[in-house]
Amino acid sequence: MIEELLPATVVAVEAYGADGTEPPPLYPQEAELVAQAVAKRRREFATVRGCARRAMEKLGVPAQPVLPGERGAPRWPAGLTGSMTHCDGYCAAALVRAADLASLGIDAEPHGPLPGGVLEAVALPSERRRLDELWRAHPAAHWDRLLFSAKESVYKAWFPLTGQWLEFTEADIDLRVTPGPGLGGTFQAELLVPGPLVADRRRAHFDGRWTIQRGLTATAVAVPYD
């Protein structure tokens, strides 16, 4: 699901549901981070890192620990960049050679409404107007959840390039539906603060893609050099 949202140079590995199998073992440094966590948290933590290690191997890089860096962003092996996500019933990791993409971000959420008050906290007035139009055209979709997921992907792509926090209200996201089977499309995130420098050019926006399928909402942002 995530791989179809990303360029061909990206390797994505995902895991659905709890199939009764044990998640892959953690490295000791990783295990320390969740030693006091509840079982569900430990399972998701291990499963998504298992996905990341399989992606490393597909790129010809030996599997190694994925430890949090600044603000919890994952630290990747030299020469790679990537992103991870997990929610109830789904985990995924996407990795790419740093020479092929400047940054990427992925996010998956259960396809359901946001809790009360969250949309008001994260959405700009312009975004809420566009969401109203989307709801009228496609009332079965949870556009509030999709907007939230897109903002998460934008942040995950932004932070490795800047090392700075990006508020929910500092990116104006325009969701667009692509005609065809299923429900999916693209989005553009206009950055309302100075964007990152990528290949000596300051980026004013990020482009992304989204899909709704299998009870999940998924979004992805890939930041090219050109």
N, C-alpha and C. Protein backbone atom coordinates (compact mmCIF):
# COMPACT_ATOMS: atom_id res chain seq x y z
N MET A 1 0.83 -1.20 0.00
CA MET A 1 0.00 0.00 0.00
C MET A 1 0.86 1.25 0.00
N ILE A 2 1.85 1.32 0.89
CA ILE A 2 2.72 2.50 0.95
C ILE A 2 3.59 2.58 -0.30
N GLU A 3 4.09 1.45 -0.78
CA GLU A 3 5.03 1.46 -1.89
C GLU A 3 4.43 2.10 -3.14
N GLU A 4 3.11 1.90 -3.35
CA GLU A 4 2.48 2.47 -4.54
C GLU A 4 2.39 3.99 -4.49
N LEU A 5 2.63 4.58 -3.33
CA LEU A 5 2.59 6.03 -3.18
C LEU A 5 3.95 6.68 -3.37
N LEU A 6 5.00 5.89 -3.55
CA LEU A 6 6.37 6.40 -3.54
C LEU A 6 7.09 6.11 -4.85
N PRO A 7 8.16 6.86 -5.15
CA PRO A 7 8.92 6.60 -6.37
C PRO A 7 9.51 5.19 -6.38
N ALA A 8 9.86 4.73 -7.58
CA ALA A 8 10.36 3.36 -7.74
C ALA A 8 11.68 3.13 -7.03
N THR A 9 12.42 4.19 -6.73
CA THR A 9 13.71 4.03 -6.05
C THR A 9 13.55 3.68 -4.57
N VAL A 10 12.34 3.84 -4.03
CA VAL A 10 12.09 3.60 -2.60
C VAL A 10 11.72 2.14 -2.40
N VAL A 11 12.27 1.53 -1.36
CA VAL A 11 11.88 0.17 -0.95
C VAL A 11 10.99 0.30 0.28
N ALA A 12 9.79 -0.26 0.20
CA ALA A 12 8.86 -0.23 1.32
C ALA A 12 8.52 -1.65 1.73
N VAL A 13 8.47 -1.88 3.02
CA VAL A 13 8.08 -3.18 3.58
C VAL A 13 6.99 -2.92 4.60
N GLU A 14 5.91 -3.69 4.56
CA GLU A 14 4.79 -3.46 5.45
C GLU A 14 4.32 -4.77 6.06
N ALA A 15 3.61 -4.66 7.17
CA ALA A 15 3.06 -5.82 7.88
C ALA A 15 1.66 -5.47 8.32
N TYR A 16 0.73 -6.37 8.05
CA TYR A 16 -0.67 -6.15 8.40
C TYR A 16 -1.07 -7.04 9.58
N GLY A 17 -1.83 -6.44 10.49
CA GLY A 17 -2.51 -7.20 11.53
C GLY A 17 -1.60 -7.93 12.48
N ALA A 18 -2.23 -8.66 13.38
CA ALA A 18 -1.51 -9.51 14.33
C ALA A 18 -1.82 -10.95 13.96
N ASP A 19 -0.87 -11.60 13.29
CA ASP A 19 -1.11 -12.94 12.76
C ASP A 19 -0.72 -14.04 13.74
N GLY A 20 -0.40 -13.67 14.97
CA GLY A 20 -0.05 -14.68 15.96
C GLY A 20 1.43 -15.00 16.01
N THR A 21 2.19 -14.56 15.02
CA THR A 21 3.63 -14.82 15.02
C THR A 21 4.34 -13.79 15.89
N GLU A 22 5.46 -14.20 16.42
CA GLU A 22 6.23 -13.29 17.24
C GLU A 22 6.93 -12.26 16.36
N PRO A 23 6.98 -11.01 16.77
CA PRO A 23 7.73 -10.01 15.99
C PRO A 23 9.21 -10.34 16.04
N PRO A 24 9.99 -9.81 15.10
CA PRO A 24 11.43 -10.10 15.09
C PRO A 24 12.09 -9.60 16.37
N PRO A 25 13.15 -10.27 16.80
CA PRO A 25 13.83 -9.84 18.03
C PRO A 25 14.47 -8.47 17.84
N LEU A 26 14.51 -7.72 18.93
CA LEU A 26 15.13 -6.41 18.92
C LEU A 26 16.60 -6.50 19.28
N TYR A 27 17.38 -5.56 18.81
CA TYR A 27 18.74 -5.41 19.30
C TYR A 27 18.67 -4.91 20.75
N PRO A 28 19.69 -5.20 21.55
CA PRO A 28 19.64 -4.79 22.95
C PRO A 28 19.39 -3.30 23.14
N GLN A 29 20.00 -2.47 22.28
CA GLN A 29 19.80 -1.01 22.42
C GLN A 29 18.34 -0.63 22.18
N GLU A 30 17.69 -1.35 21.25
CA GLU A 30 16.28 -1.09 20.97
C GLU A 30 15.40 -1.59 22.10
N ALA A 31 15.71 -2.79 22.59
CA ALA A 31 14.90 -3.39 23.63
C ALA A 31 14.86 -2.52 24.89
N GLU A 32 15.97 -1.86 25.18
CA GLU A 32 16.02 -0.98 26.36
C GLU A 32 14.98 0.14 26.26
N LEU A 33 14.70 0.59 25.06
CA LEU A 33 13.81 1.74 24.86
C LEU A 33 12.35 1.41 25.19
N VAL A 34 11.98 0.13 25.11
CA VAL A 34 10.59 -0.26 25.34
C VAL A 34 10.46 -1.28 26.47
N ALA A 35 11.49 -1.37 27.29
CA ALA A 35 11.48 -2.37 28.36
C ALA A 35 10.30 -2.19 29.30
N GLN A 36 9.86 -0.96 29.52
CA GLN A 36 8.76 -0.70 30.45
C GLN A 36 7.43 -0.48 29.72
N ALA A 37 7.41 -0.64 28.41
CA ALA A 37 6.19 -0.37 27.65
C ALA A 37 5.22 -1.54 27.72
N VAL A 38 3.96 -1.28 27.42
CA VAL A 38 2.96 -2.34 27.39
C VAL A 38 3.23 -3.25 26.20
N ALA A 39 2.63 -4.44 26.22
CA ALA A 39 2.91 -5.45 25.20
C ALA A 39 2.58 -4.95 23.79
N LYS A 40 1.48 -4.24 23.64
CA LYS A 40 1.09 -3.75 22.31
C LYS A 40 2.14 -2.80 21.76
N ARG A 41 2.64 -1.91 22.59
CA ARG A 41 3.67 -0.97 22.16
C ARG A 41 4.95 -1.71 21.78
N ARG A 42 5.35 -2.70 22.57
CA ARG A 42 6.57 -3.46 22.26
C ARG A 42 6.43 -4.19 20.94
N ARG A 43 5.24 -4.77 20.70
CA ARG A 43 5.02 -5.52 19.44
C ARG A 43 5.11 -4.58 18.24
N GLU A 44 4.44 -3.43 18.30
CA GLU A 44 4.48 -2.49 17.18
C GLU A 44 5.90 -1.98 16.95
N PHE A 45 6.60 -1.67 18.04
CA PHE A 45 7.97 -1.18 17.97
C PHE A 45 8.87 -2.20 17.28
N ALA A 46 8.72 -3.47 17.64
CA ALA A 46 9.55 -4.53 17.05
C ALA A 46 9.14 -4.81 15.60
N THR A 47 7.85 -4.82 15.33
CA THR A 47 7.39 -5.15 13.99
C THR A 47 7.82 -4.10 12.98
N VAL A 48 7.69 -2.82 13.32
CA VAL A 48 8.08 -1.80 12.36
C VAL A 48 9.59 -1.79 12.14
N ARG A 49 10.36 -2.14 13.17
CA ARG A 49 11.80 -2.24 12.97
C ARG A 49 12.17 -3.48 12.17
N GLY A 50 11.38 -4.53 12.29
CA GLY A 50 11.57 -5.67 11.41
C GLY A 50 11.36 -5.29 9.95
N CYS A 51 10.34 -4.47 9.70
CA CYS A 51 10.11 -3.97 8.34
C CYS A 51 11.30 -3.14 7.87
N ALA A 52 11.82 -2.29 8.73
CA ALA A 52 12.96 -1.45 8.36
C ALA A 52 14.19 -2.29 8.05
N ARG A 53 14.44 -3.34 8.83
CA ARG A 53 15.61 -4.17 8.57
C ARG A 53 15.48 -4.92 7.25
N ARG A 54 14.27 -5.37 6.93
CA ARG A 54 14.08 -6.04 5.64
C ARG A 54 14.29 -5.07 4.48
N ALA A 55 13.88 -3.81 4.67
CA ALA A 55 14.11 -2.81 3.64
C ALA A 55 15.61 -2.53 3.48
N MET A 56 16.34 -2.47 4.60
CA MET A 56 17.79 -2.29 4.51
C MET A 56 18.41 -3.41 3.67
N GLU A 57 18.03 -4.64 3.97
CA GLU A 57 18.61 -5.77 3.26
C GLU A 57 18.29 -5.73 1.77
N LYS A 58 17.09 -5.28 1.42
CA LYS A 58 16.73 -5.17 0.01
C LYS A 58 17.57 -4.13 -0.71
N LEU A 59 18.07 -3.15 0.05
CA LEU A 59 18.95 -2.13 -0.52
C LEU A 59 20.41 -2.52 -0.41
N GLY A 60 20.69 -3.73 0.07
CA GLY A 60 22.06 -4.21 0.16
C GLY A 60 22.82 -3.69 1.37
N VAL A 61 22.09 -3.22 2.39
CA VAL A 61 22.72 -2.69 3.60
C VAL A 61 22.49 -3.68 4.74
N PRO A 62 23.51 -4.08 5.48
CA PRO A 62 23.31 -5.01 6.59
C PRO A 62 22.30 -4.47 7.59
N ALA A 63 21.43 -5.35 8.08
CA ALA A 63 20.43 -4.95 9.08
C ALA A 63 21.13 -4.46 10.34
N GLN A 64 20.59 -3.43 10.93
CA GLN A 64 21.18 -2.83 12.13
C GLN A 64 20.11 -2.13 12.95
N PRO A 65 20.41 -1.76 14.19
CA PRO A 65 19.39 -1.13 15.03
C PRO A 65 18.88 0.18 14.43
N VAL A 66 17.61 0.47 14.72
CA VAL A 66 17.01 1.75 14.36
C VAL A 66 16.70 2.46 15.67
N LEU A 67 17.53 3.43 16.01
CA LEU A 67 17.41 4.13 17.28
C LEU A 67 16.91 5.55 17.04
N PRO A 68 16.22 6.12 18.03
CA PRO A 68 15.72 7.48 17.86
C PRO A 68 16.82 8.51 17.99
N GLY A 69 16.73 9.53 17.15
CA GLY A 69 17.64 10.65 17.25
C GLY A 69 16.91 11.85 17.82
N GLU A 70 17.24 13.04 17.31
CA GLU A 70 16.63 14.26 17.80
C GLU A 70 15.13 14.24 17.58
N ARG A 71 14.36 14.60 18.62
CA ARG A 71 12.90 14.63 18.60
C ARG A 71 12.29 13.29 18.20
N GLY A 72 13.04 12.21 18.42
CA GLY A 72 12.52 10.88 18.17
C GLY A 72 12.61 10.41 16.74
N ALA A 73 13.12 11.25 15.84
CA ALA A 73 13.24 10.83 14.44
C ALA A 73 14.23 9.67 14.33
N PRO A 74 13.92 8.64 13.54
CA PRO A 74 14.83 7.49 13.45
C PRO A 74 16.16 7.87 12.82
N ARG A 75 17.23 7.27 13.34
CA ARG A 75 18.56 7.44 12.77
C ARG A 75 18.82 6.27 11.82
N TRP A 76 19.08 6.59 10.56
CA TRP A 76 19.26 5.55 9.55
C TRP A 76 20.74 5.30 9.26
N PRO A 77 21.07 4.13 8.72
CA PRO A 77 22.47 3.87 8.34
C PRO A 77 22.97 4.91 7.35
N ALA A 78 24.28 5.14 7.37
CA ALA A 78 24.89 6.10 6.45
C ALA A 78 24.50 5.76 5.02
N GLY A 79 24.13 6.77 4.28
CA GLY A 79 23.77 6.57 2.88
C GLY A 79 22.31 6.29 2.63
N LEU A 80 21.51 6.18 3.70
CA LEU A 80 20.08 5.91 3.54
C LEU A 80 19.27 7.01 4.23
N THR A 81 18.07 7.20 3.75
CA THR A 81 17.08 8.01 4.45
C THR A 81 15.76 7.27 4.38
N GLY A 82 14.86 7.58 5.30
CA GLY A 82 13.62 6.81 5.31
C GLY A 82 12.63 7.32 6.32
N SER A 83 11.58 6.51 6.51
CA SER A 83 10.49 6.88 7.41
C SER A 83 9.78 5.60 7.83
N MET A 84 9.15 5.65 9.00
CA MET A 84 8.38 4.52 9.52
C MET A 84 7.03 5.01 10.00
N THR A 85 6.07 4.08 10.06
CA THR A 85 4.77 4.39 10.62
C THR A 85 4.14 3.13 11.17
N HIS A 86 3.30 3.29 12.17
CA HIS A 86 2.52 2.15 12.65
C HIS A 86 1.24 2.65 13.29
N CYS A 87 0.21 1.85 13.15
CA CYS A 87 -1.08 2.10 13.79
C CYS A 87 -1.72 0.74 14.03
N ASP A 88 -2.91 0.71 14.58
CA ASP A 88 -3.57 -0.56 14.85
C ASP A 88 -3.67 -1.39 13.57
N GLY A 89 -3.04 -2.56 13.57
CA GLY A 89 -3.15 -3.47 12.45
C GLY A 89 -2.23 -3.22 11.29
N TYR A 90 -1.31 -2.28 11.41
CA TYR A 90 -0.46 -1.97 10.26
C TYR A 90 0.86 -1.36 10.70
N CYS A 91 1.95 -1.82 10.09
CA CYS A 91 3.28 -1.22 10.28
C CYS A 91 3.96 -1.15 8.92
N ALA A 92 4.76 -0.13 8.71
CA ALA A 92 5.49 0.00 7.45
C ALA A 92 6.75 0.81 7.64
N ALA A 93 7.75 0.50 6.83
CA ALA A 93 8.99 1.27 6.76
C ALA A 93 9.33 1.47 5.30
N ALA A 94 9.81 2.66 4.96
CA ALA A 94 10.21 2.98 3.59
C ALA A 94 11.63 3.56 3.64
N LEU A 95 12.51 3.00 2.83
CA LEU A 95 13.91 3.44 2.80
C LEU A 95 14.34 3.69 1.36
N VAL A 96 15.28 4.60 1.21
CA VAL A 96 15.81 4.93 -0.11
C VAL A 96 17.26 5.37 0.06
N ARG A 97 18.05 5.20 -0.98
CA ARG A 97 19.41 5.72 -0.92
C ARG A 97 19.37 7.24 -0.90
N ALA A 98 20.18 7.83 -0.03
CA ALA A 98 20.16 9.29 0.13
C ALA A 98 20.56 10.00 -1.15
N ALA A 99 21.25 9.32 -2.06
CA ALA A 99 21.60 9.93 -3.33
C ALA A 99 20.40 10.06 -4.26
N ASP A 100 19.33 9.29 -3.98
CA ASP A 100 18.17 9.28 -4.87
C ASP A 100 17.06 10.22 -4.44
N LEU A 101 16.93 10.47 -3.14
CA LEU A 101 15.91 11.38 -2.64
C LEU A 101 16.49 12.20 -1.49
N ALA A 102 16.05 13.44 -1.39
CA ALA A 102 16.52 14.28 -0.29
C ALA A 102 15.89 13.87 1.03
N SER A 103 14.61 13.47 0.99
CA SER A 103 13.91 13.08 2.21
C SER A 103 12.60 12.42 1.82
N LEU A 104 12.02 11.68 2.77
CA LEU A 104 10.69 11.13 2.56
C LEU A 104 9.99 10.98 3.90
N GLY A 105 8.67 10.95 3.84
CA GLY A 105 7.85 10.75 5.03
C GLY A 105 6.63 9.92 4.70
N ILE A 106 6.28 8.98 5.58
CA ILE A 106 5.09 8.16 5.38
C ILE A 106 4.27 8.16 6.67
N ASP A 107 2.96 7.97 6.50
CA ASP A 107 2.09 7.87 7.67
C ASP A 107 0.89 7.01 7.31
N ALA A 108 0.41 6.23 8.27
CA ALA A 108 -0.81 5.45 8.12
C ALA A 108 -1.65 5.62 9.37
N GLU A 109 -2.96 5.69 9.16
CA GLU A 109 -3.92 5.90 10.25
C GLU A 109 -5.13 5.00 10.01
N PRO A 110 -5.82 4.58 11.06
CA PRO A 110 -7.10 3.90 10.85
C PRO A 110 -8.05 4.85 10.13
N HIS A 111 -8.80 4.32 9.16
CA HIS A 111 -9.71 5.19 8.41
C HIS A 111 -10.99 5.40 9.22
N GLY A 112 -10.91 6.38 10.09
CA GLY A 112 -12.04 6.74 10.93
C GLY A 112 -11.95 8.20 11.27
N PRO A 113 -12.99 8.78 11.87
CA PRO A 113 -12.96 10.21 12.19
C PRO A 113 -11.93 10.53 13.26
N LEU A 114 -11.41 11.74 13.20
CA LEU A 114 -10.52 12.20 14.26
C LEU A 114 -11.32 12.41 15.55
N PRO A 115 -10.67 12.27 16.69
CA PRO A 115 -11.35 12.61 17.95
C PRO A 115 -11.83 14.06 17.94
N GLY A 116 -12.88 14.33 18.69
CA GLY A 116 -13.44 15.67 18.77
C GLY A 116 -12.41 16.71 19.15
N GLY A 117 -12.41 17.84 18.44
CA GLY A 117 -11.51 18.94 18.74
C GLY A 117 -10.17 18.89 18.04
N VAL A 118 -9.79 17.74 17.48
CA VAL A 118 -8.46 17.63 16.86
C VAL A 118 -8.41 18.41 15.55
N LEU A 119 -9.45 18.26 14.72
CA LEU A 119 -9.43 18.97 13.44
C LEU A 119 -9.30 20.47 13.66
N GLU A 120 -10.04 21.00 14.62
CA GLU A 120 -9.98 22.43 14.89
C GLU A 120 -8.57 22.86 15.30
N ALA A 121 -7.83 21.96 15.93
CA ALA A 121 -6.48 22.28 16.41
C ALA A 121 -5.43 22.20 15.30
N VAL A 122 -5.66 21.37 14.27
CA VAL A 122 -4.60 21.13 13.28
C VAL A 122 -4.88 21.77 11.93
N ALA A 123 -6.14 22.12 11.63
CA ALA A 123 -6.49 22.56 10.29
C ALA A 123 -6.63 24.08 10.19
N LEU A 124 -6.14 24.63 9.10
CA LEU A 124 -6.31 26.03 8.78
C LEU A 124 -7.73 26.27 8.24
N PRO A 125 -8.24 27.49 8.32
CA PRO A 125 -9.56 27.78 7.74
C PRO A 125 -9.66 27.39 6.26
N SER A 126 -8.59 27.64 5.49
CA SER A 126 -8.60 27.27 4.07
C SER A 126 -8.71 25.76 3.89
N GLU A 127 -8.04 25.01 4.75
CA GLU A 127 -8.10 23.55 4.65
C GLU A 127 -9.50 23.05 5.00
N ARG A 128 -10.11 23.64 6.01
CA ARG A 128 -11.44 23.19 6.42
C ARG A 128 -12.47 23.49 5.33
N ARG A 129 -12.32 24.61 4.62
CA ARG A 129 -13.22 24.89 3.50
C ARG A 129 -13.09 23.83 2.41
N ARG A 130 -11.85 23.46 2.11
CA ARG A 130 -11.65 22.43 1.07
C ARG A 130 -12.16 21.07 1.55
N LEU A 131 -11.98 20.76 2.83
CA LEU A 131 -12.51 19.50 3.35
C LEU A 131 -14.02 19.45 3.20
N ASP A 132 -14.72 20.55 3.44
CA ASP A 132 -16.17 20.57 3.29
C ASP A 132 -16.57 20.22 1.87
N GLU A 133 -15.82 20.72 0.88
CA GLU A 133 -16.10 20.39 -0.51
C GLU A 133 -15.87 18.91 -0.78
N LEU A 134 -14.80 18.35 -0.22
CA LEU A 134 -14.51 16.93 -0.41
C LEU A 134 -15.58 16.06 0.25
N TRP A 135 -16.04 16.45 1.43
CA TRP A 135 -17.08 15.69 2.11
C TRP A 135 -18.37 15.66 1.29
N ARG A 136 -18.69 16.78 0.65
CA ARG A 136 -19.90 16.80 -0.18
C ARG A 136 -19.76 15.88 -1.38
N ALA A 137 -18.56 15.81 -1.95
CA ALA A 137 -18.35 14.97 -3.13
C ALA A 137 -18.18 13.50 -2.79
N HIS A 138 -17.56 13.22 -1.63
CA HIS A 138 -17.26 11.83 -1.23
C HIS A 138 -17.57 11.69 0.26
N PRO A 139 -18.83 11.60 0.62
CA PRO A 139 -19.21 11.65 2.04
C PRO A 139 -18.76 10.45 2.87
N ALA A 140 -18.38 9.34 2.22
CA ALA A 140 -17.99 8.15 2.99
C ALA A 140 -16.55 8.23 3.50
N ALA A 141 -15.77 9.14 2.94
CA ALA A 141 -14.35 9.22 3.33
C ALA A 141 -14.19 10.12 4.55
N HIS A 142 -13.22 9.77 5.38
CA HIS A 142 -12.91 10.56 6.57
C HIS A 142 -11.78 11.54 6.22
N TRP A 143 -12.17 12.66 5.63
CA TRP A 143 -11.20 13.62 5.13
C TRP A 143 -10.41 14.28 6.25
N ASP A 144 -11.01 14.39 7.43
CA ASP A 144 -10.26 14.96 8.55
C ASP A 144 -9.06 14.08 8.90
N ARG A 145 -9.27 12.77 8.91
CA ARG A 145 -8.17 11.85 9.20
C ARG A 145 -7.11 11.90 8.10
N LEU A 146 -7.54 12.02 6.86
CA LEU A 146 -6.59 12.08 5.76
C LEU A 146 -5.73 13.34 5.86
N LEU A 147 -6.36 14.47 6.18
CA LEU A 147 -5.59 15.70 6.34
C LEU A 147 -4.56 15.55 7.46
N PHE A 148 -4.96 14.97 8.58
CA PHE A 148 -4.03 14.76 9.70
C PHE A 148 -2.86 13.90 9.25
N SER A 149 -3.14 12.80 8.53
CA SER A 149 -2.08 11.91 8.07
C SER A 149 -1.13 12.63 7.12
N ALA A 150 -1.68 13.44 6.21
CA ALA A 150 -0.82 14.18 5.28
C ALA A 150 0.11 15.13 6.03
N LYS A 151 -0.39 15.77 7.07
CA LYS A 151 0.45 16.68 7.85
C LYS A 151 1.55 15.90 8.57
N GLU A 152 1.25 14.69 9.03
CA GLU A 152 2.27 13.86 9.66
C GLU A 152 3.37 13.50 8.65
N SER A 153 2.98 13.13 7.42
CA SER A 153 3.98 12.79 6.40
C SER A 153 4.83 14.01 6.04
N VAL A 154 4.19 15.17 5.95
CA VAL A 154 4.93 16.39 5.64
C VAL A 154 5.98 16.65 6.73
N TYR A 155 5.58 16.51 7.99
CA TYR A 155 6.53 16.76 9.07
C TYR A 155 7.70 15.77 9.02
N LYS A 156 7.39 14.51 8.77
CA LYS A 156 8.45 13.50 8.74
C LYS A 156 9.44 13.75 7.61
N ALA A 157 8.97 14.32 6.50
CA ALA A 157 9.88 14.68 5.41
C ALA A 157 10.63 15.98 5.70
N TRP A 158 9.97 16.88 6.41
CA TRP A 158 10.55 18.20 6.73
C TRP A 158 11.69 18.11 7.74
N PHE A 159 11.50 17.36 8.82
CA PHE A 159 12.43 17.43 9.94
C PHE A 159 13.85 17.02 9.58
N PRO A 160 14.08 15.94 8.83
CA PRO A 160 15.48 15.61 8.51
C PRO A 160 16.19 16.67 7.69
N LEU A 161 15.43 17.50 6.98
CA LEU A 161 16.03 18.55 6.15
C LEU A 161 16.32 19.82 6.93
N THR A 162 15.63 20.02 8.05
CA THR A 162 15.73 21.28 8.77
C THR A 162 16.18 21.14 10.22
N GLY A 163 15.87 19.99 10.84
CA GLY A 163 16.13 19.83 12.26
C GLY A 163 15.25 20.72 13.12
N GLN A 164 14.15 21.21 12.53
CA GLN A 164 13.27 22.13 13.24
C GLN A 164 11.86 21.58 13.30
N TRP A 165 11.12 22.00 14.32
CA TRP A 165 9.71 21.64 14.47
C TRP A 165 8.89 22.35 13.39
N LEU A 166 7.84 21.72 12.90
CA LEU A 166 6.89 22.33 11.97
C LEU A 166 5.50 22.17 12.58
N GLU A 167 4.88 23.28 12.89
CA GLU A 167 3.54 23.23 13.47
C GLU A 167 2.52 22.76 12.44
N PHE A 168 1.43 22.15 12.92
CA PHE A 168 0.38 21.71 12.02
C PHE A 168 -0.12 22.85 11.14
N THR A 169 -0.17 24.05 11.69
CA THR A 169 -0.72 25.18 10.97
C THR A 169 0.32 25.92 10.13
N GLU A 170 1.52 25.35 9.98
CA GLU A 170 2.55 25.97 9.17
C GLU A 170 2.69 25.34 7.79
N ALA A 171 1.74 24.48 7.45
CA ALA A 171 1.67 23.91 6.10
C ALA A 171 0.21 23.86 5.71
N ASP A 172 -0.11 24.41 4.56
CA ASP A 172 -1.48 24.44 4.04
C ASP A 172 -1.62 23.35 2.99
N ILE A 173 -2.41 22.32 3.30
CA ILE A 173 -2.46 21.13 2.46
C ILE A 173 -3.73 21.11 1.62
N ASP A 174 -3.53 20.93 0.31
CA ASP A 174 -4.62 20.85 -0.66
C ASP A 174 -4.71 19.41 -1.15
N LEU A 175 -5.75 18.69 -0.70
CA LEU A 175 -5.97 17.30 -1.09
C LEU A 175 -6.72 17.24 -2.42
N ARG A 176 -6.27 16.37 -3.32
CA ARG A 176 -6.91 16.24 -4.63
C ARG A 176 -7.21 14.77 -4.90
N VAL A 177 -8.36 14.52 -5.48
CA VAL A 177 -8.80 13.16 -5.78
C VAL A 177 -8.44 12.82 -7.23
N THR A 178 -7.83 11.66 -7.43
CA THR A 178 -7.53 11.18 -8.78
C THR A 178 -8.65 10.27 -9.25
N PRO A 179 -9.30 10.55 -10.37
CA PRO A 179 -10.37 9.68 -10.86
C PRO A 179 -9.85 8.27 -11.14
N GLY A 180 -10.69 7.29 -10.86
CA GLY A 180 -10.31 5.91 -11.10
C GLY A 180 -10.89 5.00 -10.05
N PRO A 181 -10.58 3.70 -10.14
CA PRO A 181 -11.08 2.77 -9.13
C PRO A 181 -10.47 3.05 -7.77
N GLY A 182 -11.24 2.83 -6.74
CA GLY A 182 -10.75 3.10 -5.39
C GLY A 182 -10.73 4.59 -5.12
N LEU A 183 -10.22 4.94 -3.96
CA LEU A 183 -10.16 6.34 -3.56
C LEU A 183 -8.73 6.68 -3.23
N GLY A 184 -8.16 7.57 -4.02
CA GLY A 184 -6.78 7.98 -3.82
C GLY A 184 -6.51 9.25 -4.58
N GLY A 185 -5.32 9.78 -4.42
CA GLY A 185 -5.01 11.02 -5.12
C GLY A 185 -3.69 11.59 -4.70
N THR A 186 -3.57 12.89 -4.83
CA THR A 186 -2.34 13.61 -4.55
C THR A 186 -2.64 14.76 -3.59
N PHE A 187 -1.59 15.37 -3.08
CA PHE A 187 -1.77 16.59 -2.30
C PHE A 187 -0.53 17.46 -2.44
N GLN A 188 -0.73 18.75 -2.24
CA GLN A 188 0.38 19.68 -2.20
C GLN A 188 0.34 20.41 -0.87
N ALA A 189 1.47 20.48 -0.21
CA ALA A 189 1.60 21.16 1.06
C ALA A 189 2.38 22.45 0.85
N GLU A 190 1.69 23.57 0.90
CA GLU A 190 2.37 24.86 0.81
C GLU A 190 2.96 25.20 2.18
N LEU A 191 4.26 25.40 2.21
CA LEU A 191 4.95 25.71 3.46
C LEU A 191 4.77 27.18 3.78
N LEU A 192 4.25 27.48 4.95
CA LEU A 192 3.96 28.85 5.35
C LEU A 192 5.09 29.48 6.15
N VAL A 193 6.18 28.77 6.27
CA VAL A 193 7.43 29.27 6.85
C VAL A 193 8.51 29.01 5.82
N PRO A 194 9.68 29.64 5.94
CA PRO A 194 10.73 29.39 4.95
C PRO A 194 11.04 27.91 4.83
N GLY A 195 10.96 27.39 3.61
CA GLY A 195 11.17 25.97 3.38
C GLY A 195 12.64 25.59 3.43
N PRO A 196 12.92 24.29 3.42
CA PRO A 196 14.31 23.84 3.49
C PRO A 196 15.04 24.07 2.18
N LEU A 197 16.35 24.22 2.29
CA LEU A 197 17.20 24.29 1.10
C LEU A 197 17.51 22.87 0.64
N VAL A 198 17.16 22.56 -0.59
CA VAL A 198 17.44 21.26 -1.19
C VAL A 198 18.14 21.51 -2.52
N ALA A 199 19.35 21.03 -2.64
CA ALA A 199 20.15 21.26 -3.86
C ALA A 199 20.22 22.75 -4.17
N ASP A 200 20.48 23.55 -3.15
CA ASP A 200 20.65 25.00 -3.27
C ASP A 200 19.39 25.73 -3.72
N ARG A 201 18.24 25.07 -3.57
CA ARG A 201 16.98 25.74 -3.92
C ARG A 201 16.02 25.62 -2.74
N ARG A 202 15.46 26.75 -2.32
CA ARG A 202 14.54 26.72 -1.19
C ARG A 202 13.18 26.23 -1.64
N ARG A 203 12.67 25.20 -0.97
CA ARG A 203 11.41 24.60 -1.36
C ARG A 203 10.25 25.33 -0.72
N ALA A 204 9.28 25.73 -1.53
CA ALA A 204 8.10 26.42 -1.03
C ALA A 204 6.95 25.46 -0.76
N HIS A 205 7.07 24.24 -1.28
CA HIS A 205 6.00 23.27 -1.05
C HIS A 205 6.55 21.85 -1.17
N PHE A 206 5.82 20.90 -0.61
CA PHE A 206 6.07 19.48 -0.76
C PHE A 206 4.89 18.86 -1.50
N ASP A 207 5.18 17.85 -2.31
CA ASP A 207 4.12 17.11 -3.00
C ASP A 207 4.00 15.72 -2.41
N GLY A 208 2.77 15.23 -2.34
CA GLY A 208 2.54 13.91 -1.76
C GLY A 208 1.43 13.16 -2.48
N ARG A 209 1.24 11.92 -2.05
CA ARG A 209 0.19 11.07 -2.58
C ARG A 209 -0.53 10.40 -1.42
N TRP A 210 -1.78 9.98 -1.66
CA TRP A 210 -2.56 9.35 -0.60
C TRP A 210 -3.45 8.25 -1.16
N THR A 211 -3.87 7.37 -0.26
CA THR A 211 -4.80 6.31 -0.61
C THR A 211 -5.65 5.96 0.61
N ILE A 212 -6.84 5.48 0.36
CA ILE A 212 -7.69 4.92 1.40
C ILE A 212 -8.05 3.51 0.95
N GLN A 213 -7.62 2.52 1.71
CA GLN A 213 -7.91 1.13 1.37
C GLN A 213 -7.68 0.24 2.58
N ARG A 214 -8.34 -0.91 2.58
CA ARG A 214 -8.17 -1.91 3.64
C ARG A 214 -8.39 -1.33 5.04
N GLY A 215 -9.32 -0.37 5.13
CA GLY A 215 -9.62 0.23 6.42
C GLY A 215 -8.56 1.18 6.93
N LEU A 216 -7.67 1.62 6.06
CA LEU A 216 -6.56 2.48 6.45
C LEU A 216 -6.50 3.71 5.57
N THR A 217 -5.98 4.77 6.11
CA THR A 217 -5.62 5.97 5.37
C THR A 217 -4.10 6.04 5.35
N ALA A 218 -3.50 6.19 4.17
CA ALA A 218 -2.04 6.25 4.08
C ALA A 218 -1.62 7.42 3.22
N THR A 219 -0.55 8.08 3.62
CA THR A 219 0.00 9.21 2.89
C THR A 219 1.51 9.09 2.79
N ALA A 220 2.08 9.73 1.78
CA ALA A 220 3.53 9.71 1.61
C ALA A 220 3.99 10.97 0.90
N VAL A 221 5.15 11.45 1.32
CA VAL A 221 5.81 12.61 0.71
C VAL A 221 7.22 12.19 0.33
N ALA A 222 7.61 12.44 -0.90
CA ALA A 222 8.98 12.23 -1.36
C ALA A 222 9.53 13.57 -1.83
N VAL A 223 10.69 13.94 -1.33
CA VAL A 223 11.31 15.23 -1.68
C VAL A 223 12.50 14.96 -2.60
N PRO A 224 12.36 15.28 -3.90
CA PRO A 224 13.46 15.05 -4.83
C PRO A 224 14.50 16.17 -4.73
N TYR A 225 15.62 15.96 -5.39
CA TYR A 225 16.65 16.99 -5.44
C TYR A 225 16.37 18.04 -6.51
N ASP A 226 15.68 17.65 -7.59
CA ASP A 226 15.44 18.61 -8.67
C ASP A 226 14.13 19.33 -8.52
